Amino acid sequence: MVLPDKPVTLSAQEIADLNSKLSAMRHDINNNLSLIMAGVELVRLKPETLNRMVATLSEQPAKISGTMTNFSTEFEKALGIKR
């Protein structure tokens, strides 16, 4: 990772955009985690739902990772960080 060698200046709008993207990322991750928790609770209460819930539960980590990667890419771009 290569950090900028000069100070980075962001406009108020760029900061607002990053904040909005951070908020959306938190929301998306919380939704994915809520699905995981709901799925686990459902399986706990009704073990016969396990086969139905496996697909939903197993999709969530990749969705969380994708959400974090997208935000990280935008964040690095805004700050001039290069990989």
PDB file of N, CA and C in Angstrom:
ATOM      1  N   MET A   1       0.837  -1.159   0.000  1.00  0.00           N
ATOM      2  CA  MET A   1       0.000   0.000   0.000  1.00  0.00           C
ATOM      3  C   MET A   1       0.892   1.236   0.000  1.00  0.00           C
ATOM      4  N   VAL A   2       0.581   2.148  -0.896  1.00  0.00           N
ATOM      5  CA  VAL A   2       1.354   3.376  -1.003  1.00  0.00           C
ATOM      6  C   VAL A   2       0.481   4.542  -0.555  1.00  0.00           C
ATOM      7  N   LEU A   3       0.910   5.198   0.501  1.00  0.00           N
ATOM      8  CA  LEU A   3       0.178   6.357   1.011  1.00  0.00           C
ATOM      9  C   LEU A   3       0.620   7.612   0.280  1.00  0.00           C
ATOM     10  N   PRO A   4      -0.250   8.606   0.208  1.00  0.00           N
ATOM     11  CA  PRO A   4       0.140   9.866  -0.432  1.00  0.00           C
ATOM     12  C   PRO A   4       1.331  10.486   0.300  1.00  0.00           C
ATOM     13  N   ASP A   5       2.206  11.136  -0.440  1.00  0.00           N
ATOM     14  CA  ASP A   5       3.371  11.763   0.193  1.00  0.00           C
ATOM     15  C   ASP A   5       3.122  13.233   0.535  1.00  0.00           C
ATOM     16  N   LYS A   6       1.922  13.731   0.213  1.00  0.00           N
ATOM     17  CA  LYS A   6       1.548  15.113   0.520  1.00  0.00           C
ATOM     18  C   LYS A   6       0.216  15.096   1.261  1.00  0.00           C
ATOM     19  N   PRO A   7      -0.067  16.155   1.996  1.00  0.00           N
ATOM     20  CA  PRO A   7      -1.359  16.221   2.680  1.00  0.00           C
ATOM     21  C   PRO A   7      -2.519  16.083   1.680  1.00  0.00           C
ATOM     22  N   VAL A   8      -3.569  15.437   2.119  1.00  0.00           N
ATOM     23  CA  VAL A   8      -4.758  15.244   1.285  1.00  0.00           C
ATOM     24  C   VAL A   8      -5.840  16.196   1.768  1.00  0.00           C
ATOM     25  N   THR A   9      -6.411  16.920   0.845  1.00  0.00           N
ATOM     26  CA  THR A   9      -7.488  17.844   1.176  1.00  0.00           C
ATOM     27  C   THR A   9      -8.778  17.334   0.547  1.00  0.00           C
ATOM     28  N   LEU A  10      -9.791  17.215   1.371  1.00  0.00           N
ATOM     29  CA  LEU A  10     -11.100  16.806   0.872  1.00  0.00           C
ATOM     30  C   LEU A  10     -12.068  17.961   1.056  1.00  0.00           C
ATOM     31  N   SER A  11     -12.930  18.135   0.080  1.00  0.00           N
ATOM     32  CA  SER A  11     -13.957  19.171   0.199  1.00  0.00           C
ATOM     33  C   SER A  11     -15.037  18.682   1.166  1.00  0.00           C
ATOM     34  N   ALA A  12     -15.856  19.606   1.606  1.00  0.00           N
ATOM     35  CA  ALA A  12     -16.962  19.236   2.490  1.00  0.00           C
ATOM     36  C   ALA A  12     -17.865  18.218   1.793  1.00  0.00           C
ATOM     37  N   GLN A  13     -18.060  18.372   0.495  1.00  0.00           N
ATOM     38  CA  GLN A  13     -18.904  17.435  -0.261  1.00  0.00           C
ATOM     39  C   GLN A  13     -18.268  16.049  -0.332  1.00  0.00           C
ATOM     40  N   GLU A  14     -16.962  15.980  -0.527  1.00  0.00           N
ATOM     41  CA  GLU A  14     -16.274  14.685  -0.563  1.00  0.00           C
ATOM     42  C   GLU A  14     -16.361  13.984   0.793  1.00  0.00           C
ATOM     43  N   ILE A  15     -16.230  14.749   1.861  1.00  0.00           N
ATOM     44  CA  ILE A  15     -16.358  14.178   3.204  1.00  0.00           C
ATOM     45  C   ILE A  15     -17.790  13.693   3.420  1.00  0.00           C
ATOM     46  N   ALA A  16     -18.755  14.481   2.986  1.00  0.00           N
ATOM     47  CA  ALA A  16     -20.163  14.084   3.113  1.00  0.00           C
ATOM     48  C   ALA A  16     -20.432  12.809   2.315  1.00  0.00           C
ATOM     49  N   ASP A  17     -19.853  12.710   1.119  1.00  0.00           N
ATOM     50  CA  ASP A  17     -20.032  11.509   0.297  1.00  0.00           C
ATOM     51  C   ASP A  17     -19.430  10.281   0.983  1.00  0.00           C
ATOM     52  N   LEU A  18     -18.223  10.426   1.517  1.00  0.00           N
ATOM     53  CA  LEU A  18     -17.594   9.311   2.227  1.00  0.00           C
ATOM     54  C   LEU A  18     -18.414   8.921   3.455  1.00  0.00           C
ATOM     55  N   ASN A  19     -18.917   9.910   4.169  1.00  0.00           N
ATOM     56  CA  ASN A  19     -19.733   9.630   5.341  1.00  0.00           C
ATOM     57  C   ASN A  19     -21.009   8.893   4.948  1.00  0.00           C
ATOM     58  N   SER A  20     -21.607   9.299   3.851  1.00  0.00           N
ATOM     59  CA  SER A  20     -22.808   8.628   3.360  1.00  0.00           C
ATOM     60  C   SER A  20     -22.505   7.177   2.979  1.00  0.00           C
ATOM     61  N   LYS A  21     -21.374   6.964   2.323  1.00  0.00           N
ATOM     62  CA  LYS A  21     -20.977   5.604   1.947  1.00  0.00           C
ATOM     63  C   LYS A  21     -20.654   4.764   3.180  1.00  0.00           C
ATOM     64  N   LEU A  22     -20.045   5.369   4.183  1.00  0.00           N
ATOM     65  CA  LEU A  22     -19.766   4.667   5.437  1.00  0.00           C
ATOM     66  C   LEU A  22     -21.069   4.276   6.116  1.00  0.00           C
ATOM     67  N   SER A  23     -22.024   5.185   6.132  1.00  0.00           N
ATOM     68  CA  SER A  23     -23.328   4.908   6.725  1.00  0.00           C
ATOM     69  C   SER A  23     -24.027   3.759   5.996  1.00  0.00           C
ATOM     70  N   ALA A  24     -23.977   3.782   4.676  1.00  0.00           N
ATOM     71  CA  ALA A  24     -24.592   2.709   3.881  1.00  0.00           C
ATOM     72  C   ALA A  24     -23.900   1.384   4.152  1.00  0.00           C
ATOM     73  N   MET A  25     -22.570   1.402   4.284  1.00  0.00           N
ATOM     74  CA  MET A  25     -21.826   0.178   4.572  1.00  0.00           C
ATOM     75  C   MET A  25     -22.263  -0.385   5.924  1.00  0.00           C
ATOM     76  N   ARG A  26     -22.329   0.470   6.948  1.00  0.00           N
ATOM     77  CA  ARG A  26     -22.753   0.007   8.277  1.00  0.00           C
ATOM     78  C   ARG A  26     -24.152  -0.595   8.209  1.00  0.00           C
ATOM     79  N   HIS A  27     -25.047   0.059   7.491  1.00  0.00           N
ATOM     80  CA  HIS A  27     -26.423  -0.422   7.350  1.00  0.00           C
ATOM     81  C   HIS A  27     -26.452  -1.795   6.677  1.00  0.00           C
ATOM     82  N   ASP A  28     -25.722  -1.925   5.574  1.00  0.00           N
ATOM     83  CA  ASP A  28     -25.690  -3.193   4.842  1.00  0.00           C
ATOM     84  C   ASP A  28     -25.118  -4.318   5.704  1.00  0.00           C
ATOM     85  N   ILE A  29     -24.029  -4.040   6.399  1.00  0.00           N
ATOM     86  CA  ILE A  29     -23.410  -5.069   7.240  1.00  0.00           C
ATOM     87  C   ILE A  29     -24.351  -5.446   8.389  1.00  0.00           C
ATOM     88  N   ASN A  30     -24.985  -4.463   9.003  1.00  0.00           N
ATOM     89  CA  ASN A  30     -25.947  -4.777  10.066  1.00  0.00           C
ATOM     90  C   ASN A  30     -27.090  -5.639   9.551  1.00  0.00           C
ATOM     91  N   ASN A  31     -27.561  -5.359   8.334  1.00  0.00           N
ATOM     92  CA  ASN A  31     -28.612  -6.189   7.740  1.00  0.00           C
ATOM     93  C   ASN A  31     -28.131  -7.622   7.548  1.00  0.00           C
ATOM     94  N   ASN A  32     -26.920  -7.792   7.019  1.00  0.00           N
ATOM     95  CA  ASN A  32     -26.388  -9.130   6.817  1.00  0.00           C
ATOM     96  C   ASN A  32     -26.226  -9.871   8.141  1.00  0.00           C
ATOM     97  N   LEU A  33     -25.722  -9.178   9.147  1.00  0.00           N
ATOM     98  CA  LEU A  33     -25.561  -9.805  10.463  1.00  0.00           C
ATOM     99  C   LEU A  33     -26.918 -10.139  11.088  1.00  0.00           C
ATOM    100  N   SER A  34     -27.912  -9.291  10.868  1.00  0.00           N
ATOM    101  CA  SER A  34     -29.257  -9.575  11.373  1.00  0.00           C
ATOM    102  C   SER A  34     -29.831 -10.827  10.727  1.00  0.00           C
ATOM    103  N   LEU A  35     -29.583 -10.997   9.428  1.00  0.00           N
ATOM    104  CA  LEU A  35     -30.036 -12.205   8.750  1.00  0.00           C
ATOM    105  C   LEU A  35     -29.364 -13.448   9.340  1.00  0.00           C
ATOM    106  N   ILE A  36     -28.086 -13.334   9.628  1.00  0.00           N
ATOM    107  CA  ILE A  36     -27.373 -14.460  10.224  1.00  0.00           C
ATOM    108  C   ILE A  36     -27.981 -14.797  11.586  1.00  0.00           C
ATOM    109  N   MET A  37     -28.172 -13.778  12.412  1.00  0.00           N
ATOM    110  CA  MET A  37     -28.727 -14.016  13.747  1.00  0.00           C
ATOM    111  C   MET A  37     -30.145 -14.582  13.676  1.00  0.00           C
ATOM    112  N   ALA A  38     -30.964 -14.051  12.780  1.00  0.00           N
ATOM    113  CA  ALA A  38     -32.330 -14.555  12.636  1.00  0.00           C
ATOM    114  C   ALA A  38     -32.326 -16.003  12.142  1.00  0.00           C
ATOM    115  N   GLY A  39     -31.447 -16.292  11.193  1.00  0.00           N
ATOM    116  CA  GLY A  39     -31.344 -17.653  10.672  1.00  0.00           C
ATOM    117  C   GLY A  39     -30.904 -18.644  11.735  1.00  0.00           C
ATOM    118  N   VAL A  40     -29.923 -18.257  12.527  1.00  0.00           N
ATOM    119  CA  VAL A  40     -29.448 -19.133  13.599  1.00  0.00           C
ATOM    120  C   VAL A  40     -30.557 -19.355  14.627  1.00  0.00           C
ATOM    121  N   GLU A  41     -31.257 -18.301  14.972  1.00  0.00           N
ATOM    122  CA  GLU A  41     -32.355 -18.437  15.949  1.00  0.00           C
ATOM    123  C   GLU A  41     -33.463 -19.328  15.400  1.00  0.00           C
ATOM    124  N   LEU A  42     -33.789 -19.162  14.123  1.00  0.00           N
ATOM    125  CA  LEU A  42     -34.810 -19.999  13.502  1.00  0.00           C
ATOM    126  C   LEU A  42     -34.398 -21.469  13.528  1.00  0.00           C
ATOM    127  N   VAL A  43     -33.153 -21.736  13.179  1.00  0.00           N
ATOM    128  CA  VAL A  43     -32.658 -23.123  13.201  1.00  0.00           C
ATOM    129  C   VAL A  43     -32.672 -23.664  14.633  1.00  0.00           C
ATOM    130  N   ARG A  44     -32.329 -22.805  15.582  1.00  0.00           N
ATOM    131  CA  ARG A  44     -32.345 -23.237  16.986  1.00  0.00           C
ATOM    132  C   ARG A  44     -33.756 -23.635  17.412  1.00  0.00           C
ATOM    133  N   LEU A  45     -34.759 -22.838  17.016  1.00  0.00           N
ATOM    134  CA  LEU A  45     -36.138 -23.115  17.411  1.00  0.00           C
ATOM    135  C   LEU A  45     -36.802 -24.186  16.557  1.00  0.00           C
ATOM    136  N   LYS A  46     -36.406 -24.240  15.296  1.00  0.00           N
ATOM    137  CA  LYS A  46     -36.990 -25.208  14.353  1.00  0.00           C
ATOM    138  C   LYS A  46     -35.865 -25.858  13.558  1.00  0.00           C
ATOM    139  N   PRO A  47     -35.230 -26.870  14.119  1.00  0.00           N
ATOM    140  CA  PRO A  47     -34.083 -27.506  13.449  1.00  0.00           C
ATOM    141  C   PRO A  47     -34.386 -27.994  12.035  1.00  0.00           C
ATOM    142  N   GLU A  48     -35.638 -28.272  11.744  1.00  0.00           N
ATOM    143  CA  GLU A  48     -35.992 -28.758  10.406  1.00  0.00           C
ATOM    144  C   GLU A  48     -35.799 -27.687   9.326  1.00  0.00           C
ATOM    145  N   THR A  49     -35.574 -26.432   9.713  1.00  0.00           N
ATOM    146  CA  THR A  49     -35.352 -25.361   8.733  1.00  0.00           C
ATOM    147  C   THR A  49     -33.886 -25.246   8.312  1.00  0.00           C
ATOM    148  N   LEU A  50     -33.040 -26.066   8.881  1.00  0.00           N
ATOM    149  CA  LEU A  50     -31.597 -25.956   8.615  1.00  0.00           C
ATOM    150  C   LEU A  50     -31.274 -25.980   7.125  1.00  0.00           C
ATOM    151  N   ASN A  51     -31.805 -26.949   6.398  1.00  0.00           N
ATOM    152  CA  ASN A  51     -31.474 -27.049   4.972  1.00  0.00           C
ATOM    153  C   ASN A  51     -31.863 -25.794   4.209  1.00  0.00           C
ATOM    154  N   ARG A  52     -33.011 -25.194   4.555  1.00  0.00           N
ATOM    155  CA  ARG A  52     -33.439 -23.963   3.890  1.00  0.00           C
ATOM    156  C   ARG A  52     -32.547 -22.792   4.254  1.00  0.00           C
ATOM    157  N   MET A  53     -32.079 -22.751   5.490  1.00  0.00           N
ATOM    158  CA  MET A  53     -31.320 -21.604   5.980  1.00  0.00           C
ATOM    159  C   MET A  53     -29.842 -21.644   5.611  1.00  0.00           C
ATOM    160  N   VAL A  54     -29.317 -22.803   5.285  1.00  0.00           N
ATOM    161  CA  VAL A  54     -27.882 -22.915   4.995  1.00  0.00           C
ATOM    162  C   VAL A  54     -27.473 -21.974   3.865  1.00  0.00           C
ATOM    163  N   ALA A  55     -28.237 -21.926   2.800  1.00  0.00           N
ATOM    164  CA  ALA A  55     -27.878 -21.065   1.660  1.00  0.00           C
ATOM    165  C   ALA A  55     -27.864 -19.599   2.084  1.00  0.00           C
ATOM    166  N   THR A  56     -28.907 -19.169   2.775  1.00  0.00           N
ATOM    167  CA  THR A  56     -28.983 -17.775   3.218  1.00  0.00           C
ATOM    168  C   THR A  56     -27.833 -17.432   4.149  1.00  0.00           C
ATOM    169  N   LEU A  57     -27.576 -18.301   5.106  1.00  0.00           N
ATOM    170  CA  LEU A  57     -26.498 -18.050   6.068  1.00  0.00           C
ATOM    171  C   LEU A  57     -25.139 -18.035   5.395  1.00  0.00           C
ATOM    172  N   SER A  58     -24.918 -18.941   4.476  1.00  0.00           N
ATOM    173  CA  SER A  58     -23.600 -19.040   3.849  1.00  0.00           C
ATOM    174  C   SER A  58     -23.327 -17.901   2.870  1.00  0.00           C
ATOM    175  N   GLU A  59     -24.354 -17.200   2.393  1.00  0.00           N
ATOM    176  CA  GLU A  59     -24.162 -16.065   1.479  1.00  0.00           C
ATOM    177  C   GLU A  59     -23.720 -14.798   2.210  1.00  0.00           C
ATOM    178  N   GLN A  60     -24.038 -14.687   3.466  1.00  0.00           N
ATOM    179  CA  GLN A  60     -23.839 -13.431   4.184  1.00  0.00           C
ATOM    180  C   GLN A  60     -22.372 -13.009   4.341  1.00  0.00           C
ATOM    181  N   PRO A  61     -21.449 -13.907   4.688  1.00  0.00           N
ATOM    182  CA  PRO A  61     -20.054 -13.452   4.819  1.00  0.00           C
ATOM    183  C   PRO A  61     -19.505 -12.837   3.527  1.00  0.00           C
ATOM    184  N   ALA A  62     -19.817 -13.415   2.389  1.00  0.00           N
ATOM    185  CA  ALA A  62     -19.330 -12.857   1.115  1.00  0.00           C
ATOM    186  C   ALA A  62     -19.951 -11.485   0.852  1.00  0.00           C
ATOM    187  N   LYS A  63     -21.216 -11.319   1.220  1.00  0.00           N
ATOM    188  CA  LYS A  63     -21.864 -10.022   1.039  1.00  0.00           C
ATOM    189  C   LYS A  63     -21.215  -8.973   1.938  1.00  0.00           C
ATOM    190  N   ILE A  64     -20.915  -9.351   3.172  1.00  0.00           N
ATOM    191  CA  ILE A  64     -20.261  -8.433   4.102  1.00  0.00           C
ATOM    192  C   ILE A  64     -18.888  -8.045   3.561  1.00  0.00           C
ATOM    193  N   SER A  65     -18.135  -9.036   3.109  1.00  0.00           N
ATOM    194  CA  SER A  65     -16.800  -8.777   2.563  1.00  0.00           C
ATOM    195  C   SER A  65     -16.883  -7.863   1.341  1.00  0.00           C
ATOM    196  N   GLY A  66     -17.847  -8.098   0.468  1.00  0.00           N
ATOM    197  CA  GLY A  66     -18.014  -7.264  -0.717  1.00  0.00           C
ATOM    198  C   GLY A  66     -18.351  -5.829  -0.364  1.00  0.00           C
ATOM    199  N   THR A  67     -19.214  -5.656   0.621  1.00  0.00           N
ATOM    200  CA  THR A  67     -19.585  -4.318   1.074  1.00  0.00           C
ATOM    201  C   THR A  67     -18.373  -3.583   1.626  1.00  0.00           C
ATOM    202  N   MET A  68     -17.577  -4.279   2.430  1.00  0.00           N
ATOM    203  CA  MET A  68     -16.382  -3.660   3.008  1.00  0.00           C
ATOM    204  C   MET A  68     -15.358  -3.338   1.922  1.00  0.00           C
ATOM    205  N   THR A  69     -15.202  -4.228   0.956  1.00  0.00           N
ATOM    206  CA  THR A  69     -14.253  -4.001  -0.138  1.00  0.00           C
ATOM    207  C   THR A  69     -14.659  -2.792  -0.967  1.00  0.00           C
ATOM    208  N   ASN A  70     -15.943  -2.682  -1.269  1.00  0.00           N
ATOM    209  CA  ASN A  70     -16.423  -1.531  -2.052  1.00  0.00           C
ATOM    210  C   ASN A  70     -16.158  -0.228  -1.322  1.00  0.00           C
ATOM    211  N   PHE A  71     -16.446  -0.193  -0.016  1.00  0.00           N
ATOM    212  CA  PHE A  71     -16.194   1.033   0.734  1.00  0.00           C
ATOM    213  C   PHE A  71     -14.703   1.327   0.794  1.00  0.00           C
ATOM    214  N   SER A  72     -13.900   0.314   1.051  1.00  0.00           N
ATOM    215  CA  SER A  72     -12.447   0.509   1.139  1.00  0.00           C
ATOM    216  C   SER A  72     -11.890   1.072  -0.164  1.00  0.00           C
ATOM    217  N   THR A  73     -12.391   0.583  -1.279  1.00  0.00           N
ATOM    218  CA  THR A  73     -11.945   1.071  -2.586  1.00  0.00           C
ATOM    219  C   THR A  73     -12.272   2.554  -2.743  1.00  0.00           C
ATOM    220  N   GLU A  74     -13.490   2.934  -2.389  1.00  0.00           N
ATOM    221  CA  GLU A  74     -13.892   4.346  -2.482  1.00  0.00           C
ATOM    222  C   GLU A  74     -13.079   5.211  -1.520  1.00  0.00           C
ATOM    223  N   PHE A  75     -12.852   4.708  -0.315  1.00  0.00           N
ATOM    224  CA  PHE A  75     -12.090   5.434   0.696  1.00  0.00           C
ATOM    225  C   PHE A  75     -10.657   5.661   0.218  1.00  0.00           C
ATOM    226  N   GLU A  76     -10.024   4.600  -0.274  1.00  0.00           N
ATOM    227  CA  GLU A  76      -8.642   4.704  -0.760  1.00  0.00           C
ATOM    228  C   GLU A  76      -8.552   5.649  -1.955  1.00  0.00           C
ATOM    229  N   LYS A  77      -9.544   5.584  -2.827  1.00  0.00           N
ATOM    230  CA  LYS A  77      -9.561   6.468  -3.996  1.00  0.00           C
ATOM    231  C   LYS A  77      -9.655   7.926  -3.556  1.00  0.00           C
ATOM    232  N   ALA A  78     -10.535   8.200  -2.603  1.00  0.00           N
ATOM    233  CA  ALA A  78     -10.725   9.581  -2.121  1.00  0.00           C
ATOM    234  C   ALA A  78      -9.473  10.124  -1.464  1.00  0.00           C
ATOM    235  N   LEU A  79      -8.706   9.261  -0.789  1.00  0.00           N
ATOM    236  CA  LEU A  79      -7.516   9.704  -0.094  1.00  0.00           C
ATOM    237  C   LEU A  79      -6.225   9.521  -0.902  1.00  0.00           C
ATOM    238  N   GLY A  80      -6.353   9.000  -2.101  1.00  0.00           N
ATOM    239  CA  GLY A  80      -5.180   8.826  -2.956  1.00  0.00           C
ATOM    240  C   GLY A  80      -4.270   7.698  -2.513  1.00  0.00           C
ATOM    241  N   ILE A  81      -4.834   6.697  -1.865  1.00  0.00           N
ATOM    242  CA  ILE A  81      -4.044   5.535  -1.421  1.00  0.00           C
ATOM    243  C   ILE A  81      -4.020   4.536  -2.569  1.00  0.00           C
ATOM    244  N   LYS A  82      -2.848   4.032  -2.881  1.00  0.00           N
ATOM    245  CA  LYS A  82      -2.698   3.074  -3.979  1.00  0.00           C
ATOM    246  C   LYS A  82      -2.236   1.736  -3.426  1.00  0.00           C
ATOM    247  N   ARG A  83      -2.729   0.705  -4.014  1.00  0.00           N
ATOM    248  CA  ARG A  83      -2.328  -0.663  -3.626  1.00  0.00           C
ATOM    249  C   ARG A  83      -1.259  -1.155  -4.553  1.00  0.00           C
TER     250      ARG A  83
END
